[in-house]
Amino acid sequence: MNAFLDAIGGFALVAGALFALLAGIGVHKFTDPYSRMHAAAKSPTLGLVLVALGAGLRIRTFGAAATLVLVVILQLLTSPVGTHLAGRAVHMRVKVPLDGPDELERDERAAD
């Protein structure tokens, strides 16, 4: 049973590292700020969850599992907030061509 859990943990560690690598490549290759933010927000979060799962399966102690759960919870709470703030900052400073109406600008004008 230990060998099976170690194999699953190793697979999760490698998959999480690949998601983090893909995020770095996406941030480097994408030209649009919103696309870069998407790549920087989605893949590393899933990668961190997979790395934490893999580490938990490999270590198998309560202290490590509790720490990893705390890390994942904090990441899942802070990543959307940080991405939201970065998106608003980009929207205020950079003129990016959009496919449709700019609802955020409309709402900001209505609030003033």
PDB file of N, CA and C in Angstrom:
ATOM      1  N   MET A   1       0.820  -1.200   0.000  1.00  0.00           N
ATOM      2  CA  MET A   1       0.000   0.000   0.000  1.00  0.00           C
ATOM      3  C   MET A   1       0.861   1.262   0.000  1.00  0.00           C
ATOM      4  N   ASN A   2       1.991   1.229   0.730  1.00  0.00           N
ATOM      5  CA  ASN A   2       2.868   2.390   0.765  1.00  0.00           C
ATOM      6  C   ASN A   2       3.461   2.699  -0.603  1.00  0.00           C
ATOM      7  N   ALA A   3       3.799   1.677  -1.356  1.00  0.00           N
ATOM      8  CA  ALA A   3       4.362   1.894  -2.694  1.00  0.00           C
ATOM      9  C   ALA A   3       3.326   2.528  -3.615  1.00  0.00           C
ATOM     10  N   PHE A   4       2.067   2.112  -3.478  1.00  0.00           N
ATOM     11  CA  PHE A   4       1.003   2.687  -4.301  1.00  0.00           C
ATOM     12  C   PHE A   4       0.805   4.165  -3.972  1.00  0.00           C
ATOM     13  N   LEU A   5       0.769   4.510  -2.677  1.00  0.00           N
ATOM     14  CA  LEU A   5       0.611   5.910  -2.278  1.00  0.00           C
ATOM     15  C   LEU A   5       1.808   6.747  -2.705  1.00  0.00           C
ATOM     16  N   ASP A   6       3.004   6.168  -2.639  1.00  0.00           N
ATOM     17  CA  ASP A   6       4.192   6.881  -3.106  1.00  0.00           C
ATOM     18  C   ASP A   6       4.127   7.143  -4.608  1.00  0.00           C
ATOM     19  N   ALA A   7       3.638   6.169  -5.370  1.00  0.00           N
ATOM     20  CA  ALA A   7       3.522   6.346  -6.820  1.00  0.00           C
ATOM     21  C   ALA A   7       2.494   7.419  -7.159  1.00  0.00           C
ATOM     22  N   ILE A   8       1.340   7.392  -6.498  1.00  0.00           N
ATOM     23  CA  ILE A   8       0.319   8.414  -6.740  1.00  0.00           C
ATOM     24  C   ILE A   8       0.847   9.789  -6.328  1.00  0.00           C
ATOM     25  N   GLY A   9       1.542   9.852  -5.199  1.00  0.00           N
ATOM     26  CA  GLY A   9       2.129  11.112  -4.745  1.00  0.00           C
ATOM     27  C   GLY A   9       3.165  11.638  -5.715  1.00  0.00           C
ATOM     28  N   GLY A  10       4.003  10.764  -6.236  1.00  0.00           N
ATOM     29  CA  GLY A  10       4.998  11.182  -7.229  1.00  0.00           C
ATOM     30  C   GLY A  10       4.353  11.693  -8.500  1.00  0.00           C
ATOM     31  N   PHE A  11       3.292  11.005  -8.942  1.00  0.00           N
ATOM     32  CA  PHE A  11       2.573  11.459 -10.134  1.00  0.00           C
ATOM     33  C   PHE A  11       1.966  12.835  -9.902  1.00  0.00           C
ATOM     34  N   ALA A  12       1.370  13.055  -8.721  1.00  0.00           N
ATOM     35  CA  ALA A  12       0.771  14.360  -8.421  1.00  0.00           C
ATOM     36  C   ALA A  12       1.836  15.445  -8.352  1.00  0.00           C
ATOM     37  N   LEU A  13       2.994  15.139  -7.800  1.00  0.00           N
ATOM     38  CA  LEU A  13       4.081  16.115  -7.749  1.00  0.00           C
ATOM     39  C   LEU A  13       4.541  16.521  -9.152  1.00  0.00           C
ATOM     40  N   VAL A  14       4.713  15.544 -10.023  1.00  0.00           N
ATOM     41  CA  VAL A  14       5.150  15.833 -11.391  1.00  0.00           C
ATOM     42  C   VAL A  14       4.070  16.614 -12.143  1.00  0.00           C
ATOM     43  N   ALA A  15       2.809  16.216 -11.991  1.00  0.00           N
ATOM     44  CA  ALA A  15       1.720  16.920 -12.675  1.00  0.00           C
ATOM     45  C   ALA A  15       1.617  18.361 -12.174  1.00  0.00           C
ATOM     46  N   GLY A  16       1.765  18.582 -10.877  1.00  0.00           N
ATOM     47  CA  GLY A  16       1.724  19.933 -10.341  1.00  0.00           C
ATOM     48  C   GLY A  16       2.867  20.784 -10.853  1.00  0.00           C
ATOM     49  N   ALA A  17       4.051  20.200 -10.937  1.00  0.00           N
ATOM     50  CA  ALA A  17       5.200  20.929 -11.477  1.00  0.00           C
ATOM     51  C   ALA A  17       4.983  21.276 -12.947  1.00  0.00           C
ATOM     52  N   LEU A  18       4.357  20.381 -13.698  1.00  0.00           N
ATOM     53  CA  LEU A  18       4.068  20.668 -15.111  1.00  0.00           C
ATOM     54  C   LEU A  18       3.053  21.803 -15.250  1.00  0.00           C
ATOM     55  N   PHE A  19       2.055  21.843 -14.378  1.00  0.00           N
ATOM     56  CA  PHE A  19       1.101  22.948 -14.423  1.00  0.00           C
ATOM     57  C   PHE A  19       1.798  24.272 -14.116  1.00  0.00           C
ATOM     58  N   ALA A  20       2.702  24.286 -13.159  1.00  0.00           N
ATOM     59  CA  ALA A  20       3.450  25.500 -12.852  1.00  0.00           C
ATOM     60  C   ALA A  20       4.338  25.904 -14.029  1.00  0.00           C
ATOM     61  N   LEU A  21       4.944  24.926 -14.687  1.00  0.00           N
ATOM     62  CA  LEU A  21       5.752  25.212 -15.869  1.00  0.00           C
ATOM     63  C   LEU A  21       4.903  25.799 -16.986  1.00  0.00           C
ATOM     64  N   LEU A  22       3.730  25.216 -17.213  1.00  0.00           N
ATOM     65  CA  LEU A  22       2.831  25.739 -18.245  1.00  0.00           C
ATOM     66  C   LEU A  22       2.393  27.171 -17.937  1.00  0.00           C
ATOM     67  N   ALA A  23       2.199  27.477 -16.672  1.00  0.00           N
ATOM     68  CA  ALA A  23       1.838  28.835 -16.288  1.00  0.00           C
ATOM     69  C   ALA A  23       2.968  29.804 -16.620  1.00  0.00           C
ATOM     70  N   GLY A  24       4.192  29.414 -16.326  1.00  0.00           N
ATOM     71  CA  GLY A  24       5.330  30.273 -16.655  1.00  0.00           C
ATOM     72  C   GLY A  24       5.480  30.479 -18.148  1.00  0.00           C
ATOM     73  N   ILE A  25       5.278  29.434 -18.911  1.00  0.00           N
ATOM     74  CA  ILE A  25       5.348  29.560 -20.371  1.00  0.00           C
ATOM     75  C   ILE A  25       4.227  30.462 -20.871  1.00  0.00           C
ATOM     76  N   GLY A  26       3.028  30.312 -20.306  1.00  0.00           N
ATOM     77  CA  GLY A  26       1.905  31.152 -20.717  1.00  0.00           C
ATOM     78  C   GLY A  26       2.133  32.618 -20.412  1.00  0.00           C
ATOM     79  N   VAL A  27       2.685  32.910 -19.252  1.00  0.00           N
ATOM     80  CA  VAL A  27       2.971  34.302 -18.904  1.00  0.00           C
ATOM     81  C   VAL A  27       4.021  34.871 -19.851  1.00  0.00           C
ATOM     82  N   HIS A  28       4.964  34.058 -20.254  1.00  0.00           N
ATOM     83  CA  HIS A  28       6.017  34.524 -21.161  1.00  0.00           C
ATOM     84  C   HIS A  28       5.514  34.682 -22.593  1.00  0.00           C
ATOM     85  N   LYS A  29       4.684  33.774 -23.070  1.00  0.00           N
ATOM     86  CA  LYS A  29       4.296  33.754 -24.476  1.00  0.00           C
ATOM     87  C   LYS A  29       3.090  34.638 -24.809  1.00  0.00           C
ATOM     88  N   PHE A  30       2.133  34.755 -23.886  1.00  0.00           N
ATOM     89  CA  PHE A  30       0.942  35.546 -24.194  1.00  0.00           C
ATOM     90  C   PHE A  30       1.297  37.023 -24.267  1.00  0.00           C
ATOM     91  N   THR A  31       0.642  37.747 -25.166  1.00  0.00           N
ATOM     92  CA  THR A  31       0.940  39.170 -25.346  1.00  0.00           C
ATOM     93  C   THR A  31      -0.075  40.062 -24.649  1.00  0.00           C
ATOM     94  N   ASP A  32      -1.299  39.609 -24.508  1.00  0.00           N
ATOM     95  CA  ASP A  32      -2.363  40.399 -23.909  1.00  0.00           C
ATOM     96  C   ASP A  32      -2.262  40.336 -22.383  1.00  0.00           C
ATOM     97  N   PRO A  33      -2.390  41.458 -21.675  1.00  0.00           N
ATOM     98  CA  PRO A  33      -2.295  41.419 -20.208  1.00  0.00           C
ATOM     99  C   PRO A  33      -3.340  40.520 -19.550  1.00  0.00           C
ATOM    100  N   TYR A  34      -4.542  40.491 -20.097  1.00  0.00           N
ATOM    101  CA  TYR A  34      -5.584  39.644 -19.507  1.00  0.00           C
ATOM    102  C   TYR A  34      -5.274  38.162 -19.709  1.00  0.00           C
ATOM    103  N   SER A  35      -4.719  37.808 -20.842  1.00  0.00           N
ATOM    104  CA  SER A  35      -4.319  36.416 -21.070  1.00  0.00           C
ATOM    105  C   SER A  35      -3.181  36.019 -20.139  1.00  0.00           C
ATOM    106  N   ARG A  36      -2.260  36.936 -19.921  1.00  0.00           N
ATOM    107  CA  ARG A  36      -1.164  36.661 -18.995  1.00  0.00           C
ATOM    108  C   ARG A  36      -1.682  36.461 -17.574  1.00  0.00           C
ATOM    109  N   MET A  37      -2.643  37.291 -17.173  1.00  0.00           N
ATOM    110  CA  MET A  37      -3.214  37.135 -15.839  1.00  0.00           C
ATOM    111  C   MET A  37      -3.929  35.797 -15.704  1.00  0.00           C
ATOM    112  N   HIS A  38      -4.619  35.385 -16.749  1.00  0.00           N
ATOM    113  CA  HIS A  38      -5.325  34.104 -16.718  1.00  0.00           C
ATOM    114  C   HIS A  38      -4.320  32.959 -16.530  1.00  0.00           C
ATOM    115  N   ALA A  39      -3.228  33.022 -17.307  1.00  0.00           N
ATOM    116  CA  ALA A  39      -2.208  31.979 -17.190  1.00  0.00           C
ATOM    117  C   ALA A  39      -1.540  32.014 -15.820  1.00  0.00           C
ATOM    118  N   ALA A  40      -1.359  33.206 -15.258  1.00  0.00           N
ATOM    119  CA  ALA A  40      -0.683  33.331 -13.972  1.00  0.00           C
ATOM    120  C   ALA A  40      -1.589  32.974 -12.796  1.00  0.00           C
ATOM    121  N   ALA A  41      -2.892  32.919 -13.002  1.00  0.00           N
ATOM    122  CA  ALA A  41      -3.809  32.658 -11.894  1.00  0.00           C
ATOM    123  C   ALA A  41      -4.318  31.223 -11.862  1.00  0.00           C
ATOM    124  N   LYS A  42      -4.636  30.675 -12.989  1.00  0.00           N
ATOM    125  CA  LYS A  42      -5.299  29.365 -13.006  1.00  0.00           C
ATOM    126  C   LYS A  42      -4.333  28.198 -12.821  1.00  0.00           C
ATOM    127  N   SER A  43      -3.338  28.107 -13.667  1.00  0.00           N
ATOM    128  CA  SER A  43      -2.451  26.943 -13.635  1.00  0.00           C
ATOM    129  C   SER A  43      -1.626  26.815 -12.356  1.00  0.00           C
ATOM    130  N   PRO A  44      -1.049  27.902 -11.833  1.00  0.00           N
ATOM    131  CA  PRO A  44      -0.266  27.708 -10.607  1.00  0.00           C
ATOM    132  C   PRO A  44      -1.120  27.266  -9.425  1.00  0.00           C
ATOM    133  N   THR A  45      -2.370  27.686  -9.384  1.00  0.00           N
ATOM    134  CA  THR A  45      -3.233  27.267  -8.282  1.00  0.00           C
ATOM    135  C   THR A  45      -3.472  25.764  -8.335  1.00  0.00           C
ATOM    136  N   LEU A  46      -3.815  25.263  -9.505  1.00  0.00           N
ATOM    137  CA  LEU A  46      -3.997  23.815  -9.646  1.00  0.00           C
ATOM    138  C   LEU A  46      -2.679  23.085  -9.426  1.00  0.00           C
ATOM    139  N   GLY A  47      -1.589  23.668  -9.908  1.00  0.00           N
ATOM    140  CA  GLY A  47      -0.283  23.055  -9.693  1.00  0.00           C
ATOM    141  C   GLY A  47       0.070  22.962  -8.222  1.00  0.00           C
ATOM    142  N   LEU A  48      -0.226  24.012  -7.461  1.00  0.00           N
ATOM    143  CA  LEU A  48       0.059  23.989  -6.030  1.00  0.00           C
ATOM    144  C   LEU A  48      -0.795  22.950  -5.312  1.00  0.00           C
ATOM    145  N   VAL A  49      -2.052  22.842  -5.704  1.00  0.00           N
ATOM    146  CA  VAL A  49      -2.927  21.839  -5.086  1.00  0.00           C
ATOM    147  C   VAL A  49      -2.382  20.435  -5.362  1.00  0.00           C
ATOM    148  N   LEU A  50      -1.960  20.190  -6.583  1.00  0.00           N
ATOM    149  CA  LEU A  50      -1.413  18.867  -6.919  1.00  0.00           C
ATOM    150  C   LEU A  50      -0.092  18.599  -6.202  1.00  0.00           C
ATOM    151  N   VAL A  51       0.763  19.609  -6.106  1.00  0.00           N
ATOM    152  CA  VAL A  51       2.031  19.434  -5.394  1.00  0.00           C
ATOM    153  C   VAL A  51       1.764  19.166  -3.915  1.00  0.00           C
ATOM    154  N   ALA A  52       0.818  19.894  -3.324  1.00  0.00           N
ATOM    155  CA  ALA A  52       0.484  19.672  -1.912  1.00  0.00           C
ATOM    156  C   ALA A  52      -0.097  18.278  -1.706  1.00  0.00           C
ATOM    157  N   LEU A  53      -0.952  17.847  -2.619  1.00  0.00           N
ATOM    158  CA  LEU A  53      -1.504  16.496  -2.527  1.00  0.00           C
ATOM    159  C   LEU A  53      -0.404  15.445  -2.632  1.00  0.00           C
ATOM    160  N   GLY A  54       0.482  15.630  -3.598  1.00  0.00           N
ATOM    161  CA  GLY A  54       1.588  14.694  -3.766  1.00  0.00           C
ATOM    162  C   GLY A  54       2.516  14.667  -2.560  1.00  0.00           C
ATOM    163  N   ALA A  55       2.808  15.838  -2.013  1.00  0.00           N
ATOM    164  CA  ALA A  55       3.678  15.892  -0.837  1.00  0.00           C
ATOM    165  C   ALA A  55       3.003  15.235   0.362  1.00  0.00           C
ATOM    166  N   GLY A  56       1.703  15.471   0.510  1.00  0.00           N
ATOM    167  CA  GLY A  56       0.970  14.848   1.608  1.00  0.00           C
ATOM    168  C   GLY A  56       0.946  13.336   1.496  1.00  0.00           C
ATOM    169  N   LEU A  57       0.801  12.831   0.282  1.00  0.00           N
ATOM    170  CA  LEU A  57       0.798  11.382   0.082  1.00  0.00           C
ATOM    171  C   LEU A  57       2.172  10.768   0.307  1.00  0.00           C
ATOM    172  N   ARG A  58       3.207  11.522   0.014  1.00  0.00           N
ATOM    173  CA  ARG A  58       4.558  10.996   0.204  1.00  0.00           C
ATOM    174  C   ARG A  58       5.020  11.092   1.654  1.00  0.00           C
ATOM    175  N   ILE A  59       4.670  12.183   2.350  1.00  0.00           N
ATOM    176  CA  ILE A  59       5.157  12.391   3.717  1.00  0.00           C
ATOM    177  C   ILE A  59       4.321  11.600   4.725  1.00  0.00           C
ATOM    178  N   ARG A  60       3.010  11.709   4.633  1.00  0.00           N
ATOM    179  CA  ARG A  60       2.060  10.968   5.466  1.00  0.00           C
ATOM    180  C   ARG A  60       2.221  11.181   6.979  1.00  0.00           C
ATOM    181  N   THR A  61       2.381  12.435   7.384  1.00  0.00           N
ATOM    182  CA  THR A  61       2.323  12.762   8.807  1.00  0.00           C
ATOM    183  C   THR A  61       1.227  13.802   9.013  1.00  0.00           C
ATOM    184  N   PHE A  62       0.674  13.835  10.206  1.00  0.00           N
ATOM    185  CA  PHE A  62      -0.420  14.762  10.472  1.00  0.00           C
ATOM    186  C   PHE A  62       0.035  16.213  10.381  1.00  0.00           C
ATOM    187  N   GLY A  63       1.203  16.507  10.925  1.00  0.00           N
ATOM    188  CA  GLY A  63       1.703  17.892  10.893  1.00  0.00           C
ATOM    189  C   GLY A  63       1.898  18.395   9.476  1.00  0.00           C
ATOM    190  N   ALA A  64       2.466  17.557   8.627  1.00  0.00           N
ATOM    191  CA  ALA A  64       2.680  17.943   7.229  1.00  0.00           C
ATOM    192  C   ALA A  64       1.348  18.111   6.513  1.00  0.00           C
ATOM    193  N   ALA A  65       0.416  17.195   6.761  1.00  0.00           N
ATOM    194  CA  ALA A  65      -0.892  17.289   6.112  1.00  0.00           C
ATOM    195  C   ALA A  65      -1.633  18.548   6.545  1.00  0.00           C
ATOM    196  N   ALA A  66      -1.565  18.878   7.821  1.00  0.00           N
ATOM    197  CA  ALA A  66      -2.236  20.085   8.307  1.00  0.00           C
ATOM    198  C   ALA A  66      -1.617  21.332   7.688  1.00  0.00           C
ATOM    199  N   THR A  67      -0.310  21.377   7.590  1.00  0.00           N
ATOM    200  CA  THR A  67       0.361  22.515   6.974  1.00  0.00           C
ATOM    201  C   THR A  67       0.003  22.635   5.499  1.00  0.00           C
ATOM    202  N   LEU A  68      -0.018  21.523   4.789  1.00  0.00           N
ATOM    203  CA  LEU A  68      -0.334  21.547   3.365  1.00  0.00           C
ATOM    204  C   LEU A  68      -1.782  21.964   3.127  1.00  0.00           C
ATOM    205  N   VAL A  69      -2.698  21.508   3.967  1.00  0.00           N
ATOM    206  CA  VAL A  69      -4.098  21.933   3.836  1.00  0.00           C
ATOM    207  C   VAL A  69      -4.213  23.437   4.061  1.00  0.00           C
ATOM    208  N   LEU A  70      -3.495  23.959   5.048  1.00  0.00           N
ATOM    209  CA  LEU A  70      -3.513  25.391   5.308  1.00  0.00           C
ATOM    210  C   LEU A  70      -2.952  26.175   4.121  1.00  0.00           C
ATOM    211  N   VAL A  71      -1.874  25.691   3.539  1.00  0.00           N
ATOM    212  CA  VAL A  71      -1.282  26.353   2.374  1.00  0.00           C
ATOM    213  C   VAL A  71      -2.270  26.375   1.214  1.00  0.00           C
ATOM    214  N   VAL A  72      -2.934  25.263   0.956  1.00  0.00           N
ATOM    215  CA  VAL A  72      -3.894  25.188  -0.159  1.00  0.00           C
ATOM    216  C   VAL A  72      -5.072  26.115   0.101  1.00  0.00           C
ATOM    217  N   ILE A  73      -5.596  26.136   1.316  1.00  0.00           N
ATOM    218  CA  ILE A  73      -6.729  27.013   1.631  1.00  0.00           C
ATOM    219  C   ILE A  73      -6.342  28.472   1.447  1.00  0.00           C
ATOM    220  N   LEU A  74      -5.184  28.851   1.950  1.00  0.00           N
ATOM    221  CA  LEU A  74      -4.750  30.244   1.794  1.00  0.00           C
ATOM    222  C   LEU A  74      -4.525  30.603   0.331  1.00  0.00           C
ATOM    223  N   GLN A  75      -3.991  29.685  -0.439  1.00  0.00           N
ATOM    224  CA  GLN A  75      -3.802  29.939  -1.872  1.00  0.00           C
ATOM    225  C   GLN A  75      -5.142  30.114  -2.576  1.00  0.00           C
ATOM    226  N   LEU A  76      -6.105  29.258  -2.250  1.00  0.00           N
ATOM    227  CA  LEU A  76      -7.413  29.348  -2.888  1.00  0.00           C
ATOM    228  C   LEU A  76      -8.165  30.612  -2.468  1.00  0.00           C
ATOM    229  N   LEU A  77      -7.851  31.152  -1.302  1.00  0.00           N
ATOM    230  CA  LEU A  77      -8.487  32.395  -0.862  1.00  0.00           C
ATOM    231  C   LEU A  77      -7.813  33.636  -1.444  1.00  0.00           C
ATOM    232  N   THR A  78      -6.498  33.626  -1.565  1.00  0.00           N
ATOM    233  CA  THR A  78      -5.790  34.837  -1.973  1.00  0.00           C
ATOM    234  C   THR A  78      -5.587  34.966  -3.475  1.00  0.00           C
ATOM    235  N   SER A  79      -5.511  33.891  -4.197  1.00  0.00           N
ATOM    236  CA  SER A  79      -5.271  33.970  -5.637  1.00  0.00           C
ATOM    237  C   SER A  79      -6.371  34.713  -6.385  1.00  0.00           C
ATOM    238  N   PRO A  80      -7.655  34.442  -6.151  1.00  0.00           N
ATOM    239  CA  PRO A  80      -8.685  35.203  -6.869  1.00  0.00           C
ATOM    240  C   PRO A  80      -8.679  36.689  -6.517  1.00  0.00           C
ATOM    241  N   VAL A  81      -8.396  37.007  -5.267  1.00  0.00           N
ATOM    242  CA  VAL A  81      -8.376  38.415  -4.857  1.00  0.00           C
ATOM    243  C   VAL A  81      -7.222  39.148  -5.532  1.00  0.00           C
ATOM    244  N   GLY A  82      -6.055  38.531  -5.537  1.00  0.00           N
ATOM    245  CA  GLY A  82      -4.904  39.148  -6.193  1.00  0.00           C
ATOM    246  C   GLY A  82      -5.105  39.322  -7.684  1.00  0.00           C
ATOM    247  N   THR A  83      -5.676  38.324  -8.324  1.00  0.00           N
ATOM    248  CA  THR A  83      -5.935  38.420  -9.755  1.00  0.00           C
ATOM    249  C   THR A  83      -6.979  39.492 -10.050  1.00  0.00           C
ATOM    250  N   HIS A  84      -7.986  39.600  -9.211  1.00  0.00           N
ATOM    251  CA  HIS A  84      -9.006  40.628  -9.386  1.00  0.00           C
ATOM    252  C   HIS A  84      -8.384  42.024  -9.280  1.00  0.00           C
ATOM    253  N   LEU A  85      -7.549  42.228  -8.280  1.00  0.00           N
ATOM    254  CA  LEU A  85      -6.905  43.528  -8.118  1.00  0.00           C
ATOM    255  C   LEU A  85      -5.958  43.837  -9.273  1.00  0.00           C
ATOM    256  N   ALA A  86      -5.235  42.844  -9.736  1.00  0.00           N
ATOM    257  CA  ALA A  86      -4.352  43.056 -10.886  1.00  0.00           C
ATOM    258  C   ALA A  86      -5.158  43.378 -12.138  1.00  0.00           C
ATOM    259  N   GLY A  87      -6.288  42.716 -12.318  1.00  0.00           N
ATOM    260  CA  GLY A  87      -7.144  42.994 -13.472  1.00  0.00           C
ATOM    261  C   GLY A  87      -7.695  44.405 -13.450  1.00  0.00           C
ATOM    262  N   ARG A  88      -8.112  44.871 -12.283  1.00  0.00           N
ATOM    263  CA  ARG A  88      -8.610  46.247 -12.179  1.00  0.00           C
ATOM    264  C   ARG A  88      -7.496  47.258 -12.429  1.00  0.00           C
ATOM    265  N   ALA A  89      -6.286  46.964 -11.942  1.00  0.00           N
ATOM    266  CA  ALA A  89      -5.163  47.863 -12.177  1.00  0.00           C
ATOM    267  C   ALA A  89      -4.816  47.922 -13.666  1.00  0.00           C
ATOM    268  N   VAL A  90      -4.820  46.775 -14.329  1.00  0.00           N
ATOM    269  CA  VAL A  90      -4.564  46.752 -15.765  1.00  0.00           C
ATOM    270  C   VAL A  90      -5.652  47.522 -16.501  1.00  0.00           C
ATOM    271  N   HIS A  91      -6.884  47.344 -16.090  1.00  0.00           N
ATOM    272  CA  HIS A  91      -7.992  48.027 -16.755  1.00  0.00           C
ATOM    273  C   HIS A  91      -7.867  49.542 -16.627  1.00  0.00           C
ATOM    274  N   MET A  92      -7.372  50.011 -15.489  1.00  0.00           N
ATOM    275  CA  MET A  92      -7.242  51.449 -15.279  1.00  0.00           C
ATOM    276  C   MET A  92      -6.053  52.043 -16.021  1.00  0.00           C
ATOM    277  N   ARG A  93      -4.979  51.274 -16.225  1.00  0.00           N
ATOM    278  CA  ARG A  93      -3.737  51.826 -16.769  1.00  0.00           C
ATOM    279  C   ARG A  93      -3.474  51.500 -18.237  1.00  0.00           C
ATOM    280  N   VAL A  94      -3.946  50.365 -18.717  1.00  0.00           N
ATOM    281  CA  VAL A  94      -3.596  49.893 -20.057  1.00  0.00           C
ATOM    282  C   VAL A  94      -4.854  49.827 -20.903  1.00  0.00           C
ATOM    283  N   LYS A  95      -4.771  50.346 -22.115  1.00  0.00           N
ATOM    284  CA  LYS A  95      -5.898  50.241 -23.046  1.00  0.00           C
ATOM    285  C   LYS A  95      -5.728  48.951 -23.837  1.00  0.00           C
ATOM    286  N   VAL A  96      -6.561  47.973 -23.532  1.00  0.00           N
ATOM    287  CA  VAL A  96      -6.517  46.677 -24.201  1.00  0.00           C
ATOM    288  C   VAL A  96      -7.756  46.565 -25.078  1.00  0.00           C
ATOM    289  N   PRO A  97      -7.600  46.183 -26.352  1.00  0.00           N
ATOM    290  CA  PRO A  97      -8.788  46.022 -27.195  1.00  0.00           C
ATOM    291  C   PRO A  97      -9.667  44.880 -26.674  1.00  0.00           C
ATOM    292  N   LEU A  98     -10.952  45.151 -26.552  1.00  0.00           N
ATOM    293  CA  LEU A  98     -11.906  44.170 -26.030  1.00  0.00           C
ATOM    294  C   LEU A  98     -12.819  43.674 -27.141  1.00  0.00           C
ATOM    295  N   ASP A  99     -13.411  42.495 -26.958  1.00  0.00           N
ATOM    296  CA  ASP A  99     -14.314  41.931 -27.969  1.00  0.00           C
ATOM    297  C   ASP A  99     -15.727  42.475 -27.846  1.00  0.00           C
ATOM    298  N   GLY A 100     -16.084  42.996 -26.705  1.00  0.00           N
ATOM    299  CA  GLY A 100     -17.457  43.438 -26.473  1.00  0.00           C
ATOM    300  C   GLY A 100     -17.477  44.733 -25.682  1.00  0.00           C
ATOM    301  N   PRO A 101     -18.631  45.036 -25.110  1.00  0.00           N
ATOM    302  CA  PRO A 101     -18.733  46.280 -24.344  1.00  0.00           C
ATOM    303  C   PRO A 101     -17.907  46.225 -23.064  1.00  0.00           C
ATOM    304  N   ASP A 102     -17.425  47.381 -22.663  1.00  0.00           N
ATOM    305  CA  ASP A 102     -16.618  47.490 -21.449  1.00  0.00           C
ATOM    306  C   ASP A 102     -17.550  47.779 -20.272  1.00  0.00           C
ATOM    307  N   GLU A 103     -18.032  46.728 -19.631  1.00  0.00           N
ATOM    308  CA  GLU A 103     -19.002  46.877 -18.553  1.00  0.00           C
ATOM    309  C   GLU A 103     -18.384  47.460 -17.290  1.00  0.00           C
ATOM    310  N   LEU A 104     -17.113  47.186 -17.047  1.00  0.00           N
ATOM    311  CA  LEU A 104     -16.465  47.740 -15.862  1.00  0.00           C
ATOM    312  C   LEU A 104     -16.349  49.255 -15.963  1.00  0.00           C
ATOM    313  N   GLU A 105     -15.978  49.757 -17.124  1.00  0.00           N
ATOM    314  CA  GLU A 105     -15.892  51.211 -17.310  1.00  0.00           C
ATOM    315  C   GLU A 105     -17.273  51.846 -17.182  1.00  0.00           C
ATOM    316  N   ARG A 106     -18.285  51.192 -17.723  1.00  0.00           N
ATOM    317  CA  ARG A 106     -19.650  51.702 -17.607  1.00  0.00           C
ATOM    318  C   ARG A 106     -20.085  51.776 -16.139  1.00  0.00           C
ATOM    319  N   ASP A 107     -19.783  50.728 -15.382  1.00  0.00           N
ATOM    320  CA  ASP A 107     -20.158  50.711 -13.969  1.00  0.00           C
ATOM    321  C   ASP A 107     -19.374  51.732 -13.164  1.00  0.00           C
ATOM    322  N   GLU A 108     -18.103  51.941 -13.496  1.00  0.00           N
ATOM    323  CA  GLU A 108     -17.313  52.945 -12.782  1.00  0.00           C
ATOM    324  C   GLU A 108     -17.837  54.350 -13.058  1.00  0.00           C
ATOM    325  N   ARG A 109     -18.233  54.623 -14.309  1.00  0.00           N
ATOM    326  CA  ARG A 109     -18.815  55.940 -14.625  1.00  0.00           C
ATOM    327  C   ARG A 109     -20.136  56.138 -13.914  1.00  0.00           C
ATOM    328  N   ALA A 110     -20.933  55.083 -13.808  1.00  0.00           N
ATOM    329  CA  ALA A 110     -22.227  55.193 -13.136  1.00  0.00           C
ATOM    330  C   ALA A 110     -22.062  55.409 -11.633  1.00  0.00           C
ATOM    331  N   ALA A 111     -20.978  54.878 -11.053  1.00  0.00           N
ATOM    332  CA  ALA A 111     -20.749  55.033  -9.620  1.00  0.00           C
ATOM    333  C   ALA A 111     -20.275  56.443  -9.270  1.00  0.00           C
ATOM    334  N   ASP A 112     -19.649  57.126 -10.238  1.00  0.00           N
ATOM    335  CA  ASP A 112     -19.156  58.496  -9.969  1.00  0.00           C
ATOM    336  C   ASP A 112     -20.254  59.472 -10.013  1.00  0.00           C
TER     337      ASP A 112
END
